[in-house]
Amino acid sequence: MEVFTGKQAAESYMSTHTLAFSTPELTLTRFALWLGDIVPDPEDKEKTVPRIYTFVEERDFEPVQIIDDEKYVPSGAVRISGIYGSPQDESDSNTKFCSECGGKISATAKFCTNCGTTQN
């Protein structure tokens, strides 16, 4: 995958240009024009390319795991408060069962800590 290394380009631009009295908009405009300048191709000196291509490099990225929003998978993290219930076992008078999975949850829980279903 080709990736533009913007930080490297900005550092290169700032090191060779004085911008002490420029506004941010003017600096950005000048930077964009500087990136568009035609320069000799670093790989083939007989060709010319826009300067922005000199800051594009090939990188390999690890595949990203696709998150399925339709399926809830509990992470094991439990918020300890009255809203989500308590992870500790409670007495029978302070517990109820989840309407979806049947798991034991706090009587005041708004969500099931096992399956994530909203409780009535």
Protein backbone atom coordinates (compact mmCIF):
# COMPACT_ATOMS: atom_id res chain seq x y z
CA MET A 1 0.00 0.00 0.00
CA GLU A 2 1.34 3.44 -0.86
CA VAL A 3 1.23 5.93 2.01
CA PHE A 4 1.92 9.69 2.01
CA THR A 5 4.36 10.59 4.80
CA GLY A 6 2.93 14.01 5.62
CA LYS A 7 5.03 14.59 8.74
CA GLN A 8 8.25 14.03 6.82
CA ALA A 9 7.06 16.36 4.04
CA ALA A 10 6.09 19.10 6.51
CA GLU A 11 9.44 18.83 8.32
CA SER A 12 11.29 19.05 5.01
CA TYR A 13 9.28 22.12 3.96
CA MET A 14 9.60 23.91 7.31
CA SER A 15 13.37 23.35 7.45
CA THR A 16 13.94 25.14 4.14
CA HIS A 17 11.38 27.98 4.30
CA THR A 18 11.02 30.92 6.68
CA LEU A 19 7.44 31.34 7.81
CA ALA A 20 7.89 33.64 10.79
CA PHE A 21 5.36 36.23 9.59
CA SER A 22 2.93 33.98 7.72
CA THR A 23 -0.62 33.21 8.76
CA PRO A 24 -1.61 29.53 9.10
CA GLU A 25 -3.76 29.76 5.94
CA LEU A 26 -0.90 31.24 3.92
CA THR A 27 1.53 28.65 5.30
CA LEU A 28 -0.85 25.83 4.35
CA THR A 29 -1.40 27.29 0.88
CA ARG A 30 2.34 27.63 0.29
CA PHE A 31 2.92 24.08 1.58
CA ALA A 32 0.28 22.70 -0.80
CA LEU A 33 1.84 24.56 -3.74
CA TRP A 34 5.32 23.37 -2.69
CA LEU A 35 4.06 19.75 -2.69
CA GLY A 36 2.72 20.27 -6.21
CA ASP A 37 6.03 21.59 -7.62
CA ILE A 38 7.55 19.48 -10.38
CA VAL A 39 10.91 18.00 -9.30
CA PRO A 40 13.28 15.36 -10.75
CA ASP A 41 12.17 11.81 -9.98
CA PRO A 42 14.52 10.42 -7.26
CA GLU A 43 14.52 7.00 -8.95
CA ASP A 44 14.92 8.21 -12.56
CA LYS A 45 16.59 11.63 -12.93
CA GLU A 46 15.40 11.96 -16.56
CA LYS A 47 11.74 12.03 -15.48
CA THR A 48 9.92 14.63 -13.42
CA VAL A 49 7.18 14.10 -10.85
CA PRO A 50 5.20 16.30 -8.46
CA ARG A 51 7.12 16.68 -5.17
CA ILE A 52 4.34 14.92 -3.26
CA TYR A 53 5.39 11.63 -4.92
CA THR A 54 8.81 11.89 -3.27
CA PHE A 55 7.05 11.53 0.10
CA VAL A 56 5.01 8.46 -0.89
CA GLU A 57 6.41 5.16 0.32
CA GLU A 58 5.36 1.55 0.10
CA ARG A 59 4.28 -0.03 3.41
CA ASP A 60 2.80 -3.34 4.43
CA PHE A 61 0.06 -3.29 7.01
CA GLU A 62 -1.29 -6.12 9.08
CA PRO A 63 -4.84 -7.08 8.13
CA VAL A 64 -7.40 -5.35 10.33
CA GLN A 65 -9.93 -7.49 12.15
CA ILE A 66 -13.43 -6.67 10.92
CA ILE A 67 -15.80 -5.87 13.78
CA ASP A 68 -19.29 -7.26 13.34
CA ASP A 69 -21.72 -4.71 14.80
CA GLU A 70 -24.58 -7.21 14.60
CA LYS A 71 -23.03 -9.61 17.11
CA TYR A 72 -22.15 -8.64 20.69
CA VAL A 73 -19.16 -10.38 22.23
CA PRO A 74 -18.56 -9.49 25.90
CA SER A 75 -15.03 -8.27 26.55
CA GLY A 76 -15.01 -9.20 30.22
CA ALA A 77 -14.86 -5.57 31.33
CA VAL A 78 -17.58 -4.81 33.84
CA ARG A 79 -18.49 -1.38 35.10
CA ILE A 80 -18.95 -1.53 38.84
CA SER A 81 -21.91 0.72 39.57
CA GLY A 82 -25.66 0.59 39.90
CA ILE A 83 -26.23 1.19 36.19
CA TYR A 84 -24.66 -2.04 34.91
CA GLY A 85 -24.98 -4.07 38.06
CA SER A 86 -22.25 -5.58 40.16
CA PRO A 87 -19.85 -8.37 39.11
CA GLN A 88 -20.01 -9.90 42.59
CA ASP A 89 -22.57 -12.53 43.42
CA GLU A 90 -25.46 -10.95 45.25
CA SER A 91 -28.17 -12.35 47.46
CA ASP A 92 -31.28 -13.76 45.77
CA SER A 93 -33.41 -10.74 46.73
CA ASN A 94 -31.09 -8.39 44.78
CA THR A 95 -30.75 -10.48 41.62
CA LYS A 96 -32.78 -11.23 38.55
CA PHE A 97 -32.27 -13.18 35.34
CA CYS A 98 -31.54 -11.78 31.89
CA SER A 99 -34.55 -11.83 29.57
CA GLU A 100 -32.33 -12.90 26.64
CA CYS A 101 -29.70 -15.38 27.90
CA GLY A 102 -31.04 -16.19 31.36
CA GLY A 103 -27.81 -15.16 33.11
CA LYS A 104 -27.93 -14.01 36.72
CA ILE A 105 -27.63 -10.19 36.97
CA SER A 106 -28.18 -7.43 39.52
CA ALA A 107 -31.80 -6.38 40.10
CA THR A 108 -30.83 -2.79 39.23
CA ALA A 109 -28.85 -3.69 36.08
CA LYS A 110 -29.80 -1.91 32.87
CA PHE A 111 -27.72 -4.31 30.72
CA CYS A 112 -26.84 -7.99 30.98
CA THR A 113 -23.14 -8.48 31.79
CA ASN A 114 -23.15 -11.79 29.84
CA CYS A 115 -24.81 -10.89 26.53
CA GLY A 116 -25.24 -7.09 26.64
CA THR A 117 -29.02 -7.11 26.17
CA THR A 118 -30.87 -4.05 27.49
CA GLN A 119 -33.04 -5.02 30.45
CA ASN A 120 -36.59 -3.81 31.06
